Amino acid sequence: MLNNVAEKIRYFRDKLGLTQTDLAKRLGISRSAVNAWEMSLSSPSLANVVELSQIFHVSVDTLLSEGDRVYIDATDLSSEERELVLRLIACFQKEDT
């Protein structure tokens, strides 16, 4: 479970096979800044959070929210498909309670 921004940055960076230096170059910042984020010594600016979300292909919410909440992009689904996904999720939520 990824609980904070620091853990999520490291997780998504590793998932893409990027080093801290690689990520820093893509963001136009120093490697030590990325290291500081991952060690929870500092936090990325809002502009960097937006760039990170684009690099990692996740929402800003995913990076900033606490816990392991999952967001599903249903943009390309028809209204019927969206309804089916929502019903399926509701079935699993009933089982958990």
PDB file of N, CA and C in Angstrom:
ATOM      1  N   MET A   1       0.843  -1.177   0.000  1.00  0.00           N
ATOM      2  CA  MET A   1       0.000   0.000   0.000  1.00  0.00           C
ATOM      3  C   MET A   1       0.890   1.242   0.000  1.00  0.00           C
ATOM      4  N   LEU A   2       0.644   2.113  -0.923  1.00  0.00           N
ATOM      5  CA  LEU A   2       1.418   3.344  -1.036  1.00  0.00           C
ATOM      6  C   LEU A   2       0.670   4.451  -0.307  1.00  0.00           C
ATOM      7  N   ASN A   3       1.267   4.985   0.739  1.00  0.00           N
ATOM      8  CA  ASN A   3       0.550   5.916   1.600  1.00  0.00           C
ATOM      9  C   ASN A   3       0.835   7.383   1.362  1.00  0.00           C
ATOM     10  N   ASN A   4       1.953   7.708   0.746  1.00  0.00           N
ATOM     11  CA  ASN A   4       2.261   9.126   0.607  1.00  0.00           C
ATOM     12  C   ASN A   4       2.914   9.413  -0.741  1.00  0.00           C
ATOM     13  N   VAL A   5       3.079  10.680  -1.020  1.00  0.00           N
ATOM     14  CA  VAL A   5       3.622  11.116  -2.306  1.00  0.00           C
ATOM     15  C   VAL A   5       5.026  10.552  -2.508  1.00  0.00           C
ATOM     16  N   ALA A   6       5.843  10.544  -1.464  1.00  0.00           N
ATOM     17  CA  ALA A   6       7.212  10.049  -1.578  1.00  0.00           C
ATOM     18  C   ALA A   6       7.237   8.601  -2.057  1.00  0.00           C
ATOM     19  N   GLU A   7       6.430   7.757  -1.422  1.00  0.00           N
ATOM     20  CA  GLU A   7       6.377   6.347  -1.807  1.00  0.00           C
ATOM     21  C   GLU A   7       5.855   6.173  -3.229  1.00  0.00           C
ATOM     22  N   LYS A   8       4.895   6.983  -3.608  1.00  0.00           N
ATOM     23  CA  LYS A   8       4.307   6.873  -4.942  1.00  0.00           C
ATOM     24  C   LYS A   8       5.292   7.308  -6.021  1.00  0.00           C
ATOM     25  N   ILE A   9       6.040   8.378  -5.773  1.00  0.00           N
ATOM     26  CA  ILE A   9       7.033   8.827  -6.758  1.00  0.00           C
ATOM     27  C   ILE A   9       8.058   7.717  -6.980  1.00  0.00           C
ATOM     28  N   ARG A  10       8.554   7.154  -5.906  1.00  0.00           N
ATOM     29  CA  ARG A  10       9.550   6.080  -6.038  1.00  0.00           C
ATOM     30  C   ARG A  10       8.950   4.874  -6.760  1.00  0.00           C
ATOM     31  N   TYR A  11       7.742   4.480  -6.363  1.00  0.00           N
ATOM     32  CA  TYR A  11       7.093   3.316  -6.967  1.00  0.00           C
ATOM     33  C   TYR A  11       6.925   3.502  -8.478  1.00  0.00           C
ATOM     34  N   PHE A  12       6.326   4.626  -8.882  1.00  0.00           N
ATOM     35  CA  PHE A  12       6.067   4.846 -10.299  1.00  0.00           C
ATOM     36  C   PHE A  12       7.363   5.050 -11.092  1.00  0.00           C
ATOM     37  N   ARG A  13       8.355   5.683 -10.481  1.00  0.00           N
ATOM     38  CA  ARG A  13       9.652   5.856 -11.139  1.00  0.00           C
ATOM     39  C   ARG A  13      10.281   4.488 -11.394  1.00  0.00           C
ATOM     40  N   ASP A  14      10.289   3.645 -10.356  1.00  0.00           N
ATOM     41  CA  ASP A  14      10.841   2.294 -10.503  1.00  0.00           C
ATOM     42  C   ASP A  14      10.059   1.477 -11.527  1.00  0.00           C
ATOM     43  N   LYS A  15       8.735   1.630 -11.503  1.00  0.00           N
ATOM     44  CA  LYS A  15       7.883   0.881 -12.429  1.00  0.00           C
ATOM     45  C   LYS A  15       8.233   1.201 -13.886  1.00  0.00           C
ATOM     46  N   LEU A  16       8.614   2.442 -14.148  1.00  0.00           N
ATOM     47  CA  LEU A  16       9.011   2.851 -15.499  1.00  0.00           C
ATOM     48  C   LEU A  16      10.486   2.565 -15.793  1.00  0.00           C
ATOM     49  N   GLY A  17      11.209   2.079 -14.785  1.00  0.00           N
ATOM     50  CA  GLY A  17      12.624   1.787 -14.974  1.00  0.00           C
ATOM     51  C   GLY A  17      13.496   3.025 -15.059  1.00  0.00           C
ATOM     52  N   LEU A  18      13.046   4.112 -14.433  1.00  0.00           N
ATOM     53  CA  LEU A  18      13.795   5.362 -14.457  1.00  0.00           C
ATOM     54  C   LEU A  18      14.648   5.487 -13.201  1.00  0.00           C
ATOM     55  N   THR A  19      15.841   6.018 -13.346  1.00  0.00           N
ATOM     56  CA  THR A  19      16.652   6.368 -12.182  1.00  0.00           C
ATOM     57  C   THR A  19      16.204   7.750 -11.699  1.00  0.00           C
ATOM     58  N   GLN A  20      16.671   8.139 -10.531  1.00  0.00           N
ATOM     59  CA  GLN A  20      16.384   9.491 -10.055  1.00  0.00           C
ATOM     60  C   GLN A  20      16.945  10.514 -11.033  1.00  0.00           C
ATOM     61  N   THR A  21      18.109  10.236 -11.579  1.00  0.00           N
ATOM     62  CA  THR A  21      18.728  11.145 -12.551  1.00  0.00           C
ATOM     63  C   THR A  21      17.883  11.256 -13.812  1.00  0.00           C
ATOM     64  N   ASP A  22      17.378  10.113 -14.303  1.00  0.00           N
ATOM     65  CA  ASP A  22      16.514  10.124 -15.492  1.00  0.00           C
ATOM     66  C   ASP A  22      15.289  11.000 -15.265  1.00  0.00           C
ATOM     67  N   LEU A  23      14.631  10.792 -14.113  1.00  0.00           N
ATOM     68  CA  LEU A  23      13.426  11.560 -13.814  1.00  0.00           C
ATOM     69  C   LEU A  23      13.753  13.039 -13.663  1.00  0.00           C
ATOM     70  N   ALA A  24      14.836  13.325 -12.989  1.00  0.00           N
ATOM     71  CA  ALA A  24      15.242  14.724 -12.805  1.00  0.00           C
ATOM     72  C   ALA A  24      15.473  15.424 -14.142  1.00  0.00           C
ATOM     73  N   LYS A  25      16.134  14.732 -15.074  1.00  0.00           N
ATOM     74  CA  LYS A  25      16.377  15.322 -16.398  1.00  0.00           C
ATOM     75  C   LYS A  25      15.072  15.600 -17.126  1.00  0.00           C
ATOM     76  N   ARG A  26      14.122  14.680 -17.029  1.00  0.00           N
ATOM     77  CA  ARG A  26      12.832  14.890 -17.700  1.00  0.00           C
ATOM     78  C   ARG A  26      12.082  16.075 -17.108  1.00  0.00           C
ATOM     79  N   LEU A  27      12.293  16.325 -15.818  1.00  0.00           N
ATOM     80  CA  LEU A  27      11.615  17.429 -15.149  1.00  0.00           C
ATOM     81  C   LEU A  27      12.411  18.730 -15.185  1.00  0.00           C
ATOM     82  N   GLY A  28      13.679  18.642 -15.588  1.00  0.00           N
ATOM     83  CA  GLY A  28      14.528  19.829 -15.607  1.00  0.00           C
ATOM     84  C   GLY A  28      14.931  20.297 -14.224  1.00  0.00           C
ATOM     85  N   ILE A  29      15.119  19.328 -13.321  1.00  0.00           N
ATOM     86  CA  ILE A  29      15.519  19.644 -11.944  1.00  0.00           C
ATOM     87  C   ILE A  29      16.729  18.788 -11.577  1.00  0.00           C
ATOM     88  N   SER A  30      17.227  18.960 -10.366  1.00  0.00           N
ATOM     89  CA  SER A  30      18.388  18.181  -9.924  1.00  0.00           C
ATOM     90  C   SER A  30      17.967  16.804  -9.399  1.00  0.00           C
ATOM     91  N   ARG A  31      18.914  15.865  -9.466  1.00  0.00           N
ATOM     92  CA  ARG A  31      18.663  14.536  -8.915  1.00  0.00           C
ATOM     93  C   ARG A  31      18.417  14.619  -7.412  1.00  0.00           C
ATOM     94  N   SER A  32      19.109  15.538  -6.759  1.00  0.00           N
ATOM     95  CA  SER A  32      18.942  15.664  -5.310  1.00  0.00           C
ATOM     96  C   SER A  32      17.525  16.116  -4.947  1.00  0.00           C
ATOM     97  N   ALA A  33      16.870  16.863  -5.824  1.00  0.00           N
ATOM     98  CA  ALA A  33      15.483  17.264  -5.570  1.00  0.00           C
ATOM     99  C   ALA A  33      14.570  16.038  -5.594  1.00  0.00           C
ATOM    100  N   VAL A  34      14.763  15.160  -6.577  1.00  0.00           N
ATOM    101  CA  VAL A  34      13.969  13.928  -6.651  1.00  0.00           C
ATOM    102  C   VAL A  34      14.244  13.074  -5.421  1.00  0.00           C
ATOM    103  N   ASN A  35      15.517  12.966  -5.049  1.00  0.00           N
ATOM    104  CA  ASN A  35      15.884  12.201  -3.861  1.00  0.00           C
ATOM    105  C   ASN A  35      15.197  12.769  -2.611  1.00  0.00           C
ATOM    106  N   ALA A  36      15.165  14.075  -2.490  1.00  0.00           N
ATOM    107  CA  ALA A  36      14.522  14.720  -1.335  1.00  0.00           C
ATOM    108  C   ALA A  36      13.024  14.416  -1.301  1.00  0.00           C
ATOM    109  N   TRP A  37      12.379  14.390  -2.467  1.00  0.00           N
ATOM    110  CA  TRP A  37      10.953  14.025  -2.511  1.00  0.00           C
ATOM    111  C   TRP A  37      10.754  12.608  -2.019  1.00  0.00           C
ATOM    112  N   GLU A  38      11.588  11.692  -2.518  1.00  0.00           N
ATOM    113  CA  GLU A  38      11.429  10.286  -2.183  1.00  0.00           C
ATOM    114  C   GLU A  38      11.766   9.983  -0.723  1.00  0.00           C
ATOM    115  N   MET A  39      12.527  10.851  -0.099  1.00  0.00           N
ATOM    116  CA  MET A  39      12.856  10.675   1.321  1.00  0.00           C
ATOM    117  C   MET A  39      11.942  11.504   2.217  1.00  0.00           C
ATOM    118  N   SER A  40      10.929  12.137   1.617  1.00  0.00           N
ATOM    119  CA  SER A  40       9.974  12.989   2.341  1.00  0.00           C
ATOM    120  C   SER A  40      10.642  14.174   3.021  1.00  0.00           C
ATOM    121  N   LEU A  41      11.739  14.637   2.456  1.00  0.00           N
ATOM    122  CA  LEU A  41      12.412  15.819   2.989  1.00  0.00           C
ATOM    123  C   LEU A  41      11.825  17.100   2.419  1.00  0.00           C
ATOM    124  N   SER A  42      11.237  16.984   1.243  1.00  0.00           N
ATOM    125  CA  SER A  42      10.544  18.101   0.613  1.00  0.00           C
ATOM    126  C   SER A  42       9.448  17.523  -0.271  1.00  0.00           C
ATOM    127  N   SER A  43       8.625  18.404  -0.814  1.00  0.00           N
ATOM    128  CA  SER A  43       7.524  17.980  -1.675  1.00  0.00           C
ATOM    129  C   SER A  43       7.640  18.674  -3.024  1.00  0.00           C
ATOM    130  N   PRO A  44       7.195  17.996  -4.070  1.00  0.00           N
ATOM    131  CA  PRO A  44       7.237  18.631  -5.391  1.00  0.00           C
ATOM    132  C   PRO A  44       6.245  19.787  -5.477  1.00  0.00           C
ATOM    133  N   SER A  45       6.575  20.758  -6.296  1.00  0.00           N
ATOM    134  CA  SER A  45       5.648  21.866  -6.541  1.00  0.00           C
ATOM    135  C   SER A  45       4.438  21.336  -7.302  1.00  0.00           C
ATOM    136  N   LEU A  46       3.397  22.128  -7.359  1.00  0.00           N
ATOM    137  CA  LEU A  46       2.202  21.728  -8.097  1.00  0.00           C
ATOM    138  C   LEU A  46       2.532  21.481  -9.564  1.00  0.00           C
ATOM    139  N   ALA A  47       3.369  22.331 -10.140  1.00  0.00           N
ATOM    140  CA  ALA A  47       3.760  22.144 -11.546  1.00  0.00           C
ATOM    141  C   ALA A  47       4.482  20.816 -11.727  1.00  0.00           C
ATOM    142  N   ASN A  48       5.355  20.457 -10.767  1.00  0.00           N
ATOM    143  CA  ASN A  48       6.056  19.182 -10.859  1.00  0.00           C
ATOM    144  C   ASN A  48       5.109  18.001 -10.663  1.00  0.00           C
ATOM    145  N   VAL A  49       4.118  18.150  -9.794  1.00  0.00           N
ATOM    146  CA  VAL A  49       3.126  17.078  -9.600  1.00  0.00           C
ATOM    147  C   VAL A  49       2.373  16.819 -10.901  1.00  0.00           C
ATOM    148  N   VAL A  50       2.003  17.891 -11.583  1.00  0.00           N
ATOM    149  CA  VAL A  50       1.298  17.744 -12.865  1.00  0.00           C
ATOM    150  C   VAL A  50       2.203  17.035 -13.872  1.00  0.00           C
ATOM    151  N   GLU A  51       3.474  17.449 -13.944  1.00  0.00           N
ATOM    152  CA  GLU A  51       4.409  16.794 -14.865  1.00  0.00           C
ATOM    153  C   GLU A  51       4.633  15.332 -14.494  1.00  0.00           C
ATOM    154  N   LEU A  52       4.751  15.057 -13.202  1.00  0.00           N
ATOM    155  CA  LEU A  52       4.923  13.672 -12.749  1.00  0.00           C
ATOM    156  C   LEU A  52       3.729  12.816 -13.157  1.00  0.00           C
ATOM    157  N   SER A  53       2.534  13.359 -13.006  1.00  0.00           N
ATOM    158  CA  SER A  53       1.334  12.589 -13.365  1.00  0.00           C
ATOM    159  C   SER A  53       1.347  12.252 -14.858  1.00  0.00           C
ATOM    160  N   GLN A  54       1.842  13.168 -15.667  1.00  0.00           N
ATOM    161  CA  GLN A  54       1.923  12.913 -17.114  1.00  0.00           C
ATOM    162  C   GLN A  54       3.001  11.880 -17.432  1.00  0.00           C
ATOM    163  N   ILE A  55       4.145  11.986 -16.789  1.00  0.00           N
ATOM    164  CA  ILE A  55       5.233  11.029 -17.009  1.00  0.00           C
ATOM    165  C   ILE A  55       4.814   9.631 -16.575  1.00  0.00           C
ATOM    166  N   PHE A  56       4.153   9.545 -15.400  1.00  0.00           N
ATOM    167  CA  PHE A  56       3.769   8.246 -14.836  1.00  0.00           C
ATOM    168  C   PHE A  56       2.457   7.714 -15.406  1.00  0.00           C
ATOM    169  N   HIS A  57       1.754   8.547 -16.169  1.00  0.00           N
ATOM    170  CA  HIS A  57       0.447   8.166 -16.739  1.00  0.00           C
ATOM    171  C   HIS A  57      -0.559   7.815 -15.650  1.00  0.00           C
ATOM    172  N   VAL A  58      -0.604   8.656 -14.625  1.00  0.00           N
ATOM    173  CA  VAL A  58      -1.573   8.518 -13.549  1.00  0.00           C
ATOM    174  C   VAL A  58      -2.191   9.894 -13.293  1.00  0.00           C
ATOM    175  N   SER A  59      -3.286   9.927 -12.582  1.00  0.00           N
ATOM    176  CA  SER A  59      -3.912  11.210 -12.272  1.00  0.00           C
ATOM    177  C   SER A  59      -3.157  11.920 -11.148  1.00  0.00           C
ATOM    178  N   VAL A  60      -3.336  13.213 -11.077  1.00  0.00           N
ATOM    179  CA  VAL A  60      -2.781  13.987  -9.967  1.00  0.00           C
ATOM    180  C   VAL A  60      -3.367  13.459  -8.655  1.00  0.00           C
ATOM    181  N   ASP A  61      -4.644  13.106  -8.666  1.00  0.00           N
ATOM    182  CA  ASP A  61      -5.284  12.520  -7.486  1.00  0.00           C
ATOM    183  C   ASP A  61      -4.550  11.276  -7.004  1.00  0.00           C
ATOM    184  N   THR A  62      -4.137  10.441  -7.944  1.00  0.00           N
ATOM    185  CA  THR A  62      -3.426   9.220  -7.581  1.00  0.00           C
ATOM    186  C   THR A  62      -2.138   9.553  -6.842  1.00  0.00           C
ATOM    187  N   LEU A  63      -1.427  10.562  -7.289  1.00  0.00           N
ATOM    188  CA  LEU A  63      -0.186  10.947  -6.629  1.00  0.00           C
ATOM    189  C   LEU A  63      -0.419  11.586  -5.262  1.00  0.00           C
ATOM    190  N   LEU A  64      -1.464  12.389  -5.147  1.00  0.00           N
ATOM    191  CA  LEU A  64      -1.657  13.171  -3.926  1.00  0.00           C
ATOM    192  C   LEU A  64      -2.532  12.512  -2.867  1.00  0.00           C
ATOM    193  N   SER A  65      -3.387  11.574  -3.260  1.00  0.00           N
ATOM    194  CA  SER A  65      -4.297  10.972  -2.292  1.00  0.00           C
ATOM    195  C   SER A  65      -3.554  10.006  -1.378  1.00  0.00           C
ATOM    196  N   GLU A  66      -4.034   9.898  -0.159  1.00  0.00           N
ATOM    197  CA  GLU A  66      -3.452   8.959   0.775  1.00  0.00           C
ATOM    198  C   GLU A  66      -4.091   7.597   0.563  1.00  0.00           C
ATOM    199  N   GLY A  67      -3.330   6.569   0.808  1.00  0.00           N
ATOM    200  CA  GLY A  67      -3.849   5.221   0.652  1.00  0.00           C
ATOM    201  C   GLY A  67      -3.685   4.714  -0.757  1.00  0.00           C
ATOM    202  N   ASP A  68      -4.400   3.646  -1.055  1.00  0.00           N
ATOM    203  CA  ASP A  68      -4.232   2.995  -2.354  1.00  0.00           C
ATOM    204  C   ASP A  68      -5.493   3.062  -3.199  1.00  0.00           C
ATOM    205  N   ARG A  69      -6.173   4.183  -3.140  1.00  0.00           N
ATOM    206  CA  ARG A  69      -7.371   4.389  -3.947  1.00  0.00           C
ATOM    207  C   ARG A  69      -7.018   4.252  -5.415  1.00  0.00           C
ATOM    208  N   VAL A  70      -7.893   3.609  -6.159  1.00  0.00           N
ATOM    209  CA  VAL A  70      -7.664   3.378  -7.591  1.00  0.00           C
ATOM    210  C   VAL A  70      -8.678   4.181  -8.388  1.00  0.00           C
ATOM    211  N   TYR A  71      -8.210   4.841  -9.431  1.00  0.00           N
ATOM    212  CA  TYR A  71      -9.070   5.598 -10.323  1.00  0.00           C
ATOM    213  C   TYR A  71      -9.087   4.920 -11.681  1.00  0.00           C
ATOM    214  N   ILE A  72     -10.263   4.831 -12.266  1.00  0.00           N
ATOM    215  CA  ILE A  72     -10.428   4.187 -13.556  1.00  0.00           C
ATOM    216  C   ILE A  72     -10.829   5.237 -14.577  1.00  0.00           C
ATOM    217  N   ASP A  73     -10.110   5.271 -15.689  1.00  0.00           N
ATOM    218  CA  ASP A  73     -10.433   6.196 -16.768  1.00  0.00           C
ATOM    219  C   ASP A  73     -11.471   5.533 -17.675  1.00  0.00           C
ATOM    220  N   ALA A  74     -12.686   6.031 -17.622  1.00  0.00           N
ATOM    221  CA  ALA A  74     -13.777   5.467 -18.412  1.00  0.00           C
ATOM    222  C   ALA A  74     -14.122   6.350 -19.604  1.00  0.00           C
ATOM    223  N   THR A  75     -13.221   7.221 -19.972  1.00  0.00           N
ATOM    224  CA  THR A  75     -13.462   8.184 -21.043  1.00  0.00           C
ATOM    225  C   THR A  75     -13.903   7.529 -22.340  1.00  0.00           C
ATOM    226  N   ASP A  76     -13.259   6.433 -22.699  1.00  0.00           N
ATOM    227  CA  ASP A  76     -13.541   5.790 -23.985  1.00  0.00           C
ATOM    228  C   ASP A  76     -14.661   4.757 -23.922  1.00  0.00           C
ATOM    229  N   LEU A  77     -15.302   4.622 -22.783  1.00  0.00           N
ATOM    230  CA  LEU A  77     -16.390   3.655 -22.648  1.00  0.00           C
ATOM    231  C   LEU A  77     -17.728   4.286 -23.011  1.00  0.00           C
ATOM    232  N   SER A  78     -18.602   3.479 -23.540  1.00  0.00           N
ATOM    233  CA  SER A  78     -19.959   3.954 -23.817  1.00  0.00           C
ATOM    234  C   SER A  78     -20.696   4.098 -22.491  1.00  0.00           C
ATOM    235  N   SER A  79     -21.834   4.751 -22.504  1.00  0.00           N
ATOM    236  CA  SER A  79     -22.607   4.910 -21.266  1.00  0.00           C
ATOM    237  C   SER A  79     -23.044   3.550 -20.723  1.00  0.00           C
ATOM    238  N   GLU A  80     -23.350   2.610 -21.611  1.00  0.00           N
ATOM    239  CA  GLU A  80     -23.739   1.271 -21.172  1.00  0.00           C
ATOM    240  C   GLU A  80     -22.562   0.551 -20.512  1.00  0.00           C
ATOM    241  N   GLU A  81     -21.371   0.711 -21.090  1.00  0.00           N
ATOM    242  CA  GLU A  81     -20.182   0.079 -20.511  1.00  0.00           C
ATOM    243  C   GLU A  81     -19.844   0.688 -19.157  1.00  0.00           C
ATOM    244  N   ARG A  82     -19.990   2.003 -19.045  1.00  0.00           N
ATOM    245  CA  ARG A  82     -19.743   2.663 -17.754  1.00  0.00           C
ATOM    246  C   ARG A  82     -20.704   2.153 -16.697  1.00  0.00           C
ATOM    247  N   GLU A  83     -21.958   2.035 -17.062  1.00  0.00           N
ATOM    248  CA  GLU A  83     -22.966   1.531 -16.126  1.00  0.00           C
ATOM    249  C   GLU A  83     -22.614   0.116 -15.671  1.00  0.00           C
ATOM    250  N   LEU A  84     -22.165  -0.716 -16.580  1.00  0.00           N
ATOM    251  CA  LEU A  84     -21.777  -2.088 -16.251  1.00  0.00           C
ATOM    252  C   LEU A  84     -20.604  -2.101 -15.266  1.00  0.00           C
ATOM    253  N   VAL A  85     -19.596  -1.249 -15.509  1.00  0.00           N
ATOM    254  CA  VAL A  85     -18.449  -1.161 -14.613  1.00  0.00           C
ATOM    255  C   VAL A  85     -18.896  -0.706 -13.224  1.00  0.00           C
ATOM    256  N   LEU A  86     -19.763   0.297 -13.162  1.00  0.00           N
ATOM    257  CA  LEU A  86     -20.252   0.789 -11.867  1.00  0.00           C
ATOM    258  C   LEU A  86     -21.041  -0.282 -11.118  1.00  0.00           C
ATOM    259  N   ARG A  87     -21.838  -1.045 -11.827  1.00  0.00           N
ATOM    260  CA  ARG A  87     -22.597  -2.140 -11.195  1.00  0.00           C
ATOM    261  C   ARG A  87     -21.652  -3.213 -10.664  1.00  0.00           C
ATOM    262  N   LEU A  88     -20.635  -3.540 -11.419  1.00  0.00           N
ATOM    263  CA  LEU A  88     -19.655  -4.535 -10.986  1.00  0.00           C
ATOM    264  C   LEU A  88     -18.936  -4.069  -9.726  1.00  0.00           C
ATOM    265  N   ILE A  89     -18.520  -2.813  -9.701  1.00  0.00           N
ATOM    266  CA  ILE A  89     -17.862  -2.258  -8.517  1.00  0.00           C
ATOM    267  C   ILE A  89     -18.803  -2.314  -7.323  1.00  0.00           C
ATOM    268  N   ALA A  90     -20.056  -1.965  -7.536  1.00  0.00           N
ATOM    269  CA  ALA A  90     -21.041  -2.000  -6.451  1.00  0.00           C
ATOM    270  C   ALA A  90     -21.192  -3.414  -5.896  1.00  0.00           C
ATOM    271  N   CYS A  91     -21.130  -4.415  -6.734  1.00  0.00           N
ATOM    272  CA  CYS A  91     -21.228  -5.804  -6.268  1.00  0.00           C
ATOM    273  C   CYS A  91     -20.079  -6.142  -5.329  1.00  0.00           C
ATOM    274  N   PHE A  92     -18.866  -5.730  -5.677  1.00  0.00           N
ATOM    275  CA  PHE A  92     -17.712  -6.008  -4.835  1.00  0.00           C
ATOM    276  C   PHE A  92     -17.761  -5.211  -3.535  1.00  0.00           C
ATOM    277  N   GLN A  93     -18.279  -4.002  -3.578  1.00  0.00           N
ATOM    278  CA  GLN A  93     -18.385  -3.195  -2.369  1.00  0.00           C
ATOM    279  C   GLN A  93     -19.364  -3.811  -1.392  1.00  0.00           C
ATOM    280  N   LYS A  94     -20.450  -4.409  -1.881  1.00  0.00           N
ATOM    281  CA  LYS A  94     -21.418  -5.065  -1.011  1.00  0.00           C
ATOM    282  C   LYS A  94     -20.800  -6.270  -0.328  1.00  0.00           C
ATOM    283  N   GLU A  95     -19.914  -7.008  -1.034  1.00  0.00           N
ATOM    284  CA  GLU A  95     -19.283  -8.177  -0.465  1.00  0.00           C
ATOM    285  C   GLU A  95     -18.298  -7.819   0.642  1.00  0.00           C
ATOM    286  N   ASP A  96     -17.661  -6.631   0.525  1.00  0.00           N
ATOM    287  CA  ASP A  96     -16.662  -6.208   1.509  1.00  0.00           C
ATOM    288  C   ASP A  96     -17.287  -5.758   2.828  1.00  0.00           C
ATOM    289  N   THR A  97     -18.546  -5.375   2.813  1.00  0.00           N
ATOM    290  CA  THR A  97     -19.170  -4.860   4.029  1.00  0.00           C
ATOM    291  C   THR A  97     -19.851  -5.921   4.820  1.00  0.00           C
TER     292      THR A  97
END
